[in-house]
Amino acid sequence: MTNGMSQYSRAEFDANAGIVVGITPADYPGDPLAGIEFQRHWEARAFNAGGADYFAPSQRVGDLLSGRETAAPGEVAPSYKPGVRGADLRSCLPDYVIAAIREALPMFDRRIPGFAMHDAVLTGVETRTSSPLRIRRNRNFESVNTQGLYPAGEGAGYAGGILSAAIDGIKVAEAVAMSLAG
């Protein structure tokens, strides 16, 4: 599992961006821990695709769009440490995720020219943008089984990033204020 974070100085030669594809509990039906098993499955496949030595699987955008494995990096040098190995990301992501990325890349490129250049590097997979568990809450944002507990944000399974966690936090804070105000 890659982290996706940029270096603290933001001084890398190439830009670092992430592509997030929505995953819902419908994608991993079953018991409450099915989301963790879903993550483990895809992380194990990515570990193997990267050579089973903590290198990450990597694929050039042009190769992903053409449906072929990346044999060697192009002009864009991967910055992931400890390193990457050329791979076919289809082996370590669900088909619908690959389809969503293939659809999104040309659209991103129209907005940010060069985003989907042939030699741009895709490094993956990152499976931890949100918690694989969700602490259930009622319509007032309170836990369904623990009065006075208001699950919120990424750790509770209600957000997938900084902005959505902030918005969820505002909603929960308003619910707490309403509860205290009576």
C-alpha atoms as a PDB file:
ATOM      1  CA  MET A   1       0.000   0.000   0.000  1.00  0.00           C
ATOM      2  CA  THR A   2       1.470   3.326  -0.992  1.00  0.00           C
ATOM      3  CA  ASN A   3       0.883   6.439   1.035  1.00  0.00           C
ATOM      4  CA  GLY A   4       0.458   8.959  -1.757  1.00  0.00           C
ATOM      5  CA  MET A   5       1.872  11.865   0.203  1.00  0.00           C
ATOM      6  CA  SER A   6       4.193  14.401  -1.366  1.00  0.00           C
ATOM      7  CA  GLN A   7       7.570  15.131   0.165  1.00  0.00           C
ATOM      8  CA  TYR A   8       7.265  17.763   2.880  1.00  0.00           C
ATOM      9  CA  SER A   9       9.136  20.395   0.872  1.00  0.00           C
ATOM     10  CA  ARG A  10       6.976  19.941  -2.237  1.00  0.00           C
ATOM     11  CA  ALA A  11      10.270  20.374  -4.117  1.00  0.00           C
ATOM     12  CA  GLU A  12      10.129  17.290  -6.329  1.00  0.00           C
ATOM     13  CA  PHE A  13      10.843  17.832 -10.016  1.00  0.00           C
ATOM     14  CA  ASP A  14       7.507  16.318 -11.079  1.00  0.00           C
ATOM     15  CA  ALA A  15       4.059  16.900  -9.609  1.00  0.00           C
ATOM     16  CA  ASN A  16       2.482  14.331  -7.319  1.00  0.00           C
ATOM     17  CA  ALA A  17      -1.258  13.748  -7.571  1.00  0.00           C
ATOM     18  CA  GLY A  18      -3.676  11.017  -6.660  1.00  0.00           C
ATOM     19  CA  ILE A  19      -6.671   9.551  -8.408  1.00  0.00           C
ATOM     20  CA  VAL A  20      -9.374   8.380  -6.045  1.00  0.00           C
ATOM     21  CA  VAL A  21     -12.099   6.006  -7.183  1.00  0.00           C
ATOM     22  CA  GLY A  22     -15.111   5.632  -4.919  1.00  0.00           C
ATOM     23  CA  ILE A  23     -15.581   2.265  -3.239  1.00  0.00           C
ATOM     24  CA  THR A  24     -18.719   1.530  -1.244  1.00  0.00           C
ATOM     25  CA  PRO A  25     -19.820  -1.340   1.004  1.00  0.00           C
ATOM     26  CA  ALA A  26     -21.690  -2.711  -2.020  1.00  0.00           C
ATOM     27  CA  ASP A  27     -18.244  -3.508  -3.473  1.00  0.00           C
ATOM     28  CA  TYR A  28     -17.398  -5.785  -0.539  1.00  0.00           C
ATOM     29  CA  PRO A  29     -20.627  -7.231   0.814  1.00  0.00           C
ATOM     30  CA  GLY A  30     -20.592  -9.445   3.846  1.00  0.00           C
ATOM     31  CA  ASP A  31     -19.739  -9.094   7.488  1.00  0.00           C
ATOM     32  CA  PRO A  32     -18.583  -5.831   9.117  1.00  0.00           C
ATOM     33  CA  LEU A  33     -14.920  -6.688   8.466  1.00  0.00           C
ATOM     34  CA  ALA A  34     -15.386  -7.334   4.739  1.00  0.00           C
ATOM     35  CA  GLY A  35     -13.846  -3.952   3.918  1.00  0.00           C
ATOM     36  CA  ILE A  36     -10.614  -4.948   5.631  1.00  0.00           C
ATOM     37  CA  GLU A  37     -10.526  -8.207   3.667  1.00  0.00           C
ATOM     38  CA  PHE A  38     -11.158  -6.223   0.472  1.00  0.00           C
ATOM     39  CA  GLN A  39      -8.154  -4.003   1.249  1.00  0.00           C
ATOM     40  CA  ARG A  40      -5.943  -6.946   2.128  1.00  0.00           C
ATOM     41  CA  HIS A  41      -6.833  -8.751  -1.095  1.00  0.00           C
ATOM     42  CA  TRP A  42      -5.842  -5.829  -3.340  1.00  0.00           C
ATOM     43  CA  GLU A  43      -2.814  -4.890  -1.235  1.00  0.00           C
ATOM     44  CA  ALA A  44      -1.494  -8.476  -1.487  1.00  0.00           C
ATOM     45  CA  ARG A  45      -1.937  -8.410  -5.256  1.00  0.00           C
ATOM     46  CA  ALA A  46      -0.112  -5.068  -5.461  1.00  0.00           C
ATOM     47  CA  PHE A  47       2.684  -6.373  -3.212  1.00  0.00           C
ATOM     48  CA  ASN A  48       3.187  -9.319  -5.563  1.00  0.00           C
ATOM     49  CA  ALA A  49       2.941  -7.132  -8.687  1.00  0.00           C
ATOM     50  CA  GLY A  50       5.702  -4.929  -7.252  1.00  0.00           C
ATOM     51  CA  GLY A  51       8.022  -7.911  -6.807  1.00  0.00           C
ATOM     52  CA  ALA A  52       7.101  -8.907  -3.221  1.00  0.00           C
ATOM     53  CA  ASP A  53       9.961  -6.805  -1.822  1.00  0.00           C
ATOM     54  CA  TYR A  54       8.167  -3.534  -0.936  1.00  0.00           C
ATOM     55  CA  PHE A  55       8.752  -1.939  -4.312  1.00  0.00           C
ATOM     56  CA  ALA A  56       5.454  -0.609  -5.642  1.00  0.00           C
ATOM     57  CA  PRO A  57       3.851  -1.655  -8.915  1.00  0.00           C
ATOM     58  CA  SER A  58       4.084   1.156 -11.439  1.00  0.00           C
ATOM     59  CA  GLN A  59       2.614   1.726 -14.863  1.00  0.00           C
ATOM     60  CA  ARG A  60       2.967   4.537 -17.372  1.00  0.00           C
ATOM     61  CA  VAL A  61      -0.311   6.258 -18.236  1.00  0.00           C
ATOM     62  CA  GLY A  62       0.090   5.451 -21.920  1.00  0.00           C
ATOM     63  CA  ASP A  63       0.511   1.763 -21.122  1.00  0.00           C
ATOM     64  CA  LEU A  64      -2.558   1.723 -18.865  1.00  0.00           C
ATOM     65  CA  LEU A  65      -4.642   3.397 -21.536  1.00  0.00           C
ATOM     66  CA  SER A  66      -3.328   0.928 -24.141  1.00  0.00           C
ATOM     67  CA  GLY A  67      -3.853  -2.100 -21.882  1.00  0.00           C
ATOM     68  CA  ARG A  68      -0.247  -3.241 -21.695  1.00  0.00           C
ATOM     69  CA  GLU A  69       2.244  -3.820 -18.906  1.00  0.00           C
ATOM     70  CA  THR A  70       4.989  -1.270 -18.329  1.00  0.00           C
ATOM     71  CA  ALA A  71       8.387  -2.803 -18.895  1.00  0.00           C
ATOM     72  CA  ALA A  72      10.517   0.226 -17.981  1.00  0.00           C
ATOM     73  CA  PRO A  73       9.995   3.809 -16.859  1.00  0.00           C
ATOM     74  CA  GLY A  74       9.891   6.540 -19.491  1.00  0.00           C
ATOM     75  CA  GLU A  75      11.079  10.106 -19.210  1.00  0.00           C
ATOM     76  CA  VAL A  76       9.175  10.778 -15.976  1.00  0.00           C
ATOM     77  CA  ALA A  77      11.202   9.335 -13.110  1.00  0.00           C
ATOM     78  CA  PRO A  78       9.181   7.656 -10.345  1.00  0.00           C
ATOM     79  CA  SER A  79       9.789   9.247  -6.945  1.00  0.00           C
ATOM     80  CA  TYR A  80       8.321   6.508  -4.728  1.00  0.00           C
ATOM     81  CA  LYS A  81      10.761   5.164  -2.141  1.00  0.00           C
ATOM     82  CA  PRO A  82      11.996   2.428  -1.868  1.00  0.00           C
ATOM     83  CA  GLY A  83      11.298   2.103  -5.609  1.00  0.00           C
ATOM     84  CA  VAL A  84       8.933   0.790  -8.272  1.00  0.00           C
ATOM     85  CA  ARG A  85       8.694  -2.086 -10.718  1.00  0.00           C
ATOM     86  CA  GLY A  86       6.926  -1.960 -14.034  1.00  0.00           C
ATOM     87  CA  ALA A  87       3.593  -3.741 -13.863  1.00  0.00           C
ATOM     88  CA  ASP A  88       0.083  -3.928 -15.218  1.00  0.00           C
ATOM     89  CA  LEU A  89      -2.139  -2.291 -12.619  1.00  0.00           C
ATOM     90  CA  ARG A  90      -5.054  -4.394 -13.871  1.00  0.00           C
ATOM     91  CA  SER A  91      -3.540  -7.192 -11.791  1.00  0.00           C
ATOM     92  CA  CYS A  92      -3.901  -5.251  -8.556  1.00  0.00           C
ATOM     93  CA  LEU A  93      -7.071  -3.186  -8.906  1.00  0.00           C
ATOM     94  CA  PRO A  94     -10.683  -4.187  -9.586  1.00  0.00           C
ATOM     95  CA  ASP A  95     -11.831  -3.884 -13.204  1.00  0.00           C
ATOM     96  CA  TYR A  96     -14.261  -1.056 -12.385  1.00  0.00           C
ATOM     97  CA  VAL A  97     -11.441   0.948 -10.779  1.00  0.00           C
ATOM     98  CA  ILE A  98      -9.259   0.566 -13.871  1.00  0.00           C
ATOM     99  CA  ALA A  99     -12.235   1.556 -16.051  1.00  0.00           C
ATOM    100  CA  ALA A 100     -12.855   4.663 -13.920  1.00  0.00           C
ATOM    101  CA  ILE A 101      -9.187   5.701 -14.096  1.00  0.00           C
ATOM    102  CA  ARG A 102      -9.112   5.162 -17.862  1.00  0.00           C
ATOM    103  CA  GLU A 103     -12.194   7.340 -18.209  1.00  0.00           C
ATOM    104  CA  ALA A 104     -10.896  10.062 -15.871  1.00  0.00           C
ATOM    105  CA  LEU A 105      -7.356  10.480 -17.222  1.00  0.00           C
ATOM    106  CA  PRO A 106      -8.322  12.099 -20.553  1.00  0.00           C
ATOM    107  CA  MET A 107     -10.761  14.400 -18.740  1.00  0.00           C
ATOM    108  CA  PHE A 108      -8.060  15.456 -16.263  1.00  0.00           C
ATOM    109  CA  ASP A 109      -5.707  16.010 -19.188  1.00  0.00           C
ATOM    110  CA  ARG A 110      -8.176  18.392 -20.853  1.00  0.00           C
ATOM    111  CA  ARG A 111      -8.197  20.488 -17.667  1.00  0.00           C
ATOM    112  CA  ILE A 112      -4.505  20.073 -16.816  1.00  0.00           C
ATOM    113  CA  PRO A 113      -2.558  19.565 -20.040  1.00  0.00           C
ATOM    114  CA  GLY A 114       0.141  16.957 -19.548  1.00  0.00           C
ATOM    115  CA  PHE A 115      -1.626  15.203 -16.667  1.00  0.00           C
ATOM    116  CA  ALA A 116      -2.161  12.104 -18.808  1.00  0.00           C
ATOM    117  CA  MET A 117       1.033  12.279 -20.848  1.00  0.00           C
ATOM    118  CA  HIS A 118       2.208   8.889 -22.079  1.00  0.00           C
ATOM    119  CA  ASP A 119       5.191   8.691 -19.688  1.00  0.00           C
ATOM    120  CA  ALA A 120       3.376   9.968 -16.579  1.00  0.00           C
ATOM    121  CA  VAL A 121       3.756   7.408 -13.802  1.00  0.00           C
ATOM    122  CA  LEU A 122       0.945   5.678 -11.941  1.00  0.00           C
ATOM    123  CA  THR A 123       2.157   4.116  -8.688  1.00  0.00           C
ATOM    124  CA  GLY A 124      -0.140   2.034  -6.600  1.00  0.00           C
ATOM    125  CA  VAL A 125      -2.110   0.977  -4.891  1.00  0.00           C
ATOM    126  CA  GLU A 126      -3.338   3.229  -2.120  1.00  0.00           C
ATOM    127  CA  THR A 127      -6.227   1.570  -0.331  1.00  0.00           C
ATOM    128  CA  ARG A 128      -6.498   3.737   2.753  1.00  0.00           C
ATOM    129  CA  THR A 129      -8.216   6.978   1.807  1.00  0.00           C
ATOM    130  CA  SER A 130     -10.980   6.129   4.275  1.00  0.00           C
ATOM    131  CA  SER A 131     -11.664   3.626   6.997  1.00  0.00           C
ATOM    132  CA  PRO A 132     -12.825   0.184   5.858  1.00  0.00           C
ATOM    133  CA  LEU A 133     -15.187   0.206   8.827  1.00  0.00           C
ATOM    134  CA  ARG A 134     -18.086   2.491   9.501  1.00  0.00           C
ATOM    135  CA  ILE A 135     -19.332   3.274  12.992  1.00  0.00           C
ATOM    136  CA  ARG A 136     -23.059   3.435  12.406  1.00  0.00           C
ATOM    137  CA  ARG A 137     -24.900   6.573  13.440  1.00  0.00           C
ATOM    138  CA  ASN A 138     -28.516   7.712  13.384  1.00  0.00           C
ATOM    139  CA  ARG A 139     -30.051  10.645  11.501  1.00  0.00           C
ATOM    140  CA  ASN A 140     -28.870  12.958  14.313  1.00  0.00           C
ATOM    141  CA  PHE A 141     -25.270  11.803  13.741  1.00  0.00           C
ATOM    142  CA  GLU A 142     -25.154   9.999  17.102  1.00  0.00           C
ATOM    143  CA  SER A 143     -23.885   6.426  17.410  1.00  0.00           C
ATOM    144  CA  VAL A 144     -26.723   3.932  17.092  1.00  0.00           C
ATOM    145  CA  ASN A 145     -25.559   2.021  20.169  1.00  0.00           C
ATOM    146  CA  THR A 146     -23.601   4.490  22.335  1.00  0.00           C
ATOM    147  CA  GLN A 147     -25.486   7.558  23.469  1.00  0.00           C
ATOM    148  CA  GLY A 148     -23.401  10.730  23.416  1.00  0.00           C
ATOM    149  CA  LEU A 149     -20.872   9.365  20.901  1.00  0.00           C
ATOM    150  CA  TYR A 150     -20.781  11.180  17.564  1.00  0.00           C
ATOM    151  CA  PRO A 151     -18.643   9.243  15.050  1.00  0.00           C
ATOM    152  CA  ALA A 152     -17.138  11.574  12.468  1.00  0.00           C
ATOM    153  CA  GLY A 153     -14.653  11.849   9.654  1.00  0.00           C
ATOM    154  CA  GLU A 154     -12.303   9.370   8.050  1.00  0.00           C
ATOM    155  CA  GLY A 155     -11.660   7.150  11.060  1.00  0.00           C
ATOM    156  CA  ALA A 156     -15.366   6.559  11.545  1.00  0.00           C
ATOM    157  CA  GLY A 157     -15.877   5.783   7.856  1.00  0.00           C
ATOM    158  CA  TYR A 158     -17.704   8.972   6.841  1.00  0.00           C
ATOM    159  CA  ALA A 159     -15.046  10.749   4.799  1.00  0.00           C
ATOM    160  CA  GLY A 160     -12.320  10.034   2.297  1.00  0.00           C
ATOM    161  CA  GLY A 161     -10.070  13.057   2.609  1.00  0.00           C
ATOM    162  CA  ILE A 162      -9.410  16.354   4.293  1.00  0.00           C
ATOM    163  CA  LEU A 163     -12.274  18.294   2.740  1.00  0.00           C
ATOM    164  CA  SER A 164     -14.958  15.633   3.202  1.00  0.00           C
ATOM    165  CA  ALA A 165     -13.761  15.047   6.787  1.00  0.00           C
ATOM    166  CA  ALA A 166     -14.048  18.781   7.491  1.00  0.00           C
ATOM    167  CA  ILE A 167     -17.566  18.901   6.069  1.00  0.00           C
ATOM    168  CA  ASP A 168     -18.592  15.846   8.071  1.00  0.00           C
ATOM    169  CA  GLY A 169     -17.052  17.430  11.181  1.00  0.00           C
ATOM    170  CA  ILE A 170     -19.126  20.573  10.683  1.00  0.00           C
ATOM    171  CA  LYS A 171     -22.322  18.524  10.342  1.00  0.00           C
ATOM    172  CA  VAL A 172     -21.507  16.536  13.476  1.00  0.00           C
ATOM    173  CA  ALA A 173     -20.590  19.695  15.421  1.00  0.00           C
ATOM    174  CA  GLU A 174     -23.954  21.216  14.447  1.00  0.00           C
ATOM    175  CA  ALA A 175     -25.718  18.034  15.598  1.00  0.00           C
ATOM    176  CA  VAL A 176     -23.869  18.119  18.944  1.00  0.00           C
ATOM    177  CA  ALA A 177     -24.776  21.799  19.378  1.00  0.00           C
ATOM    178  CA  MET A 178     -28.432  21.055  18.628  1.00  0.00           C
ATOM    179  CA  SER A 179     -28.373  18.189  21.119  1.00  0.00           C
ATOM    180  CA  LEU A 180     -26.874  20.378  23.841  1.00  0.00           C
ATOM    181  CA  ALA A 181     -29.303  23.207  23.096  1.00  0.00           C
ATOM    182  CA  GLY A 182     -32.205  20.799  23.524  1.00  0.00           C
END
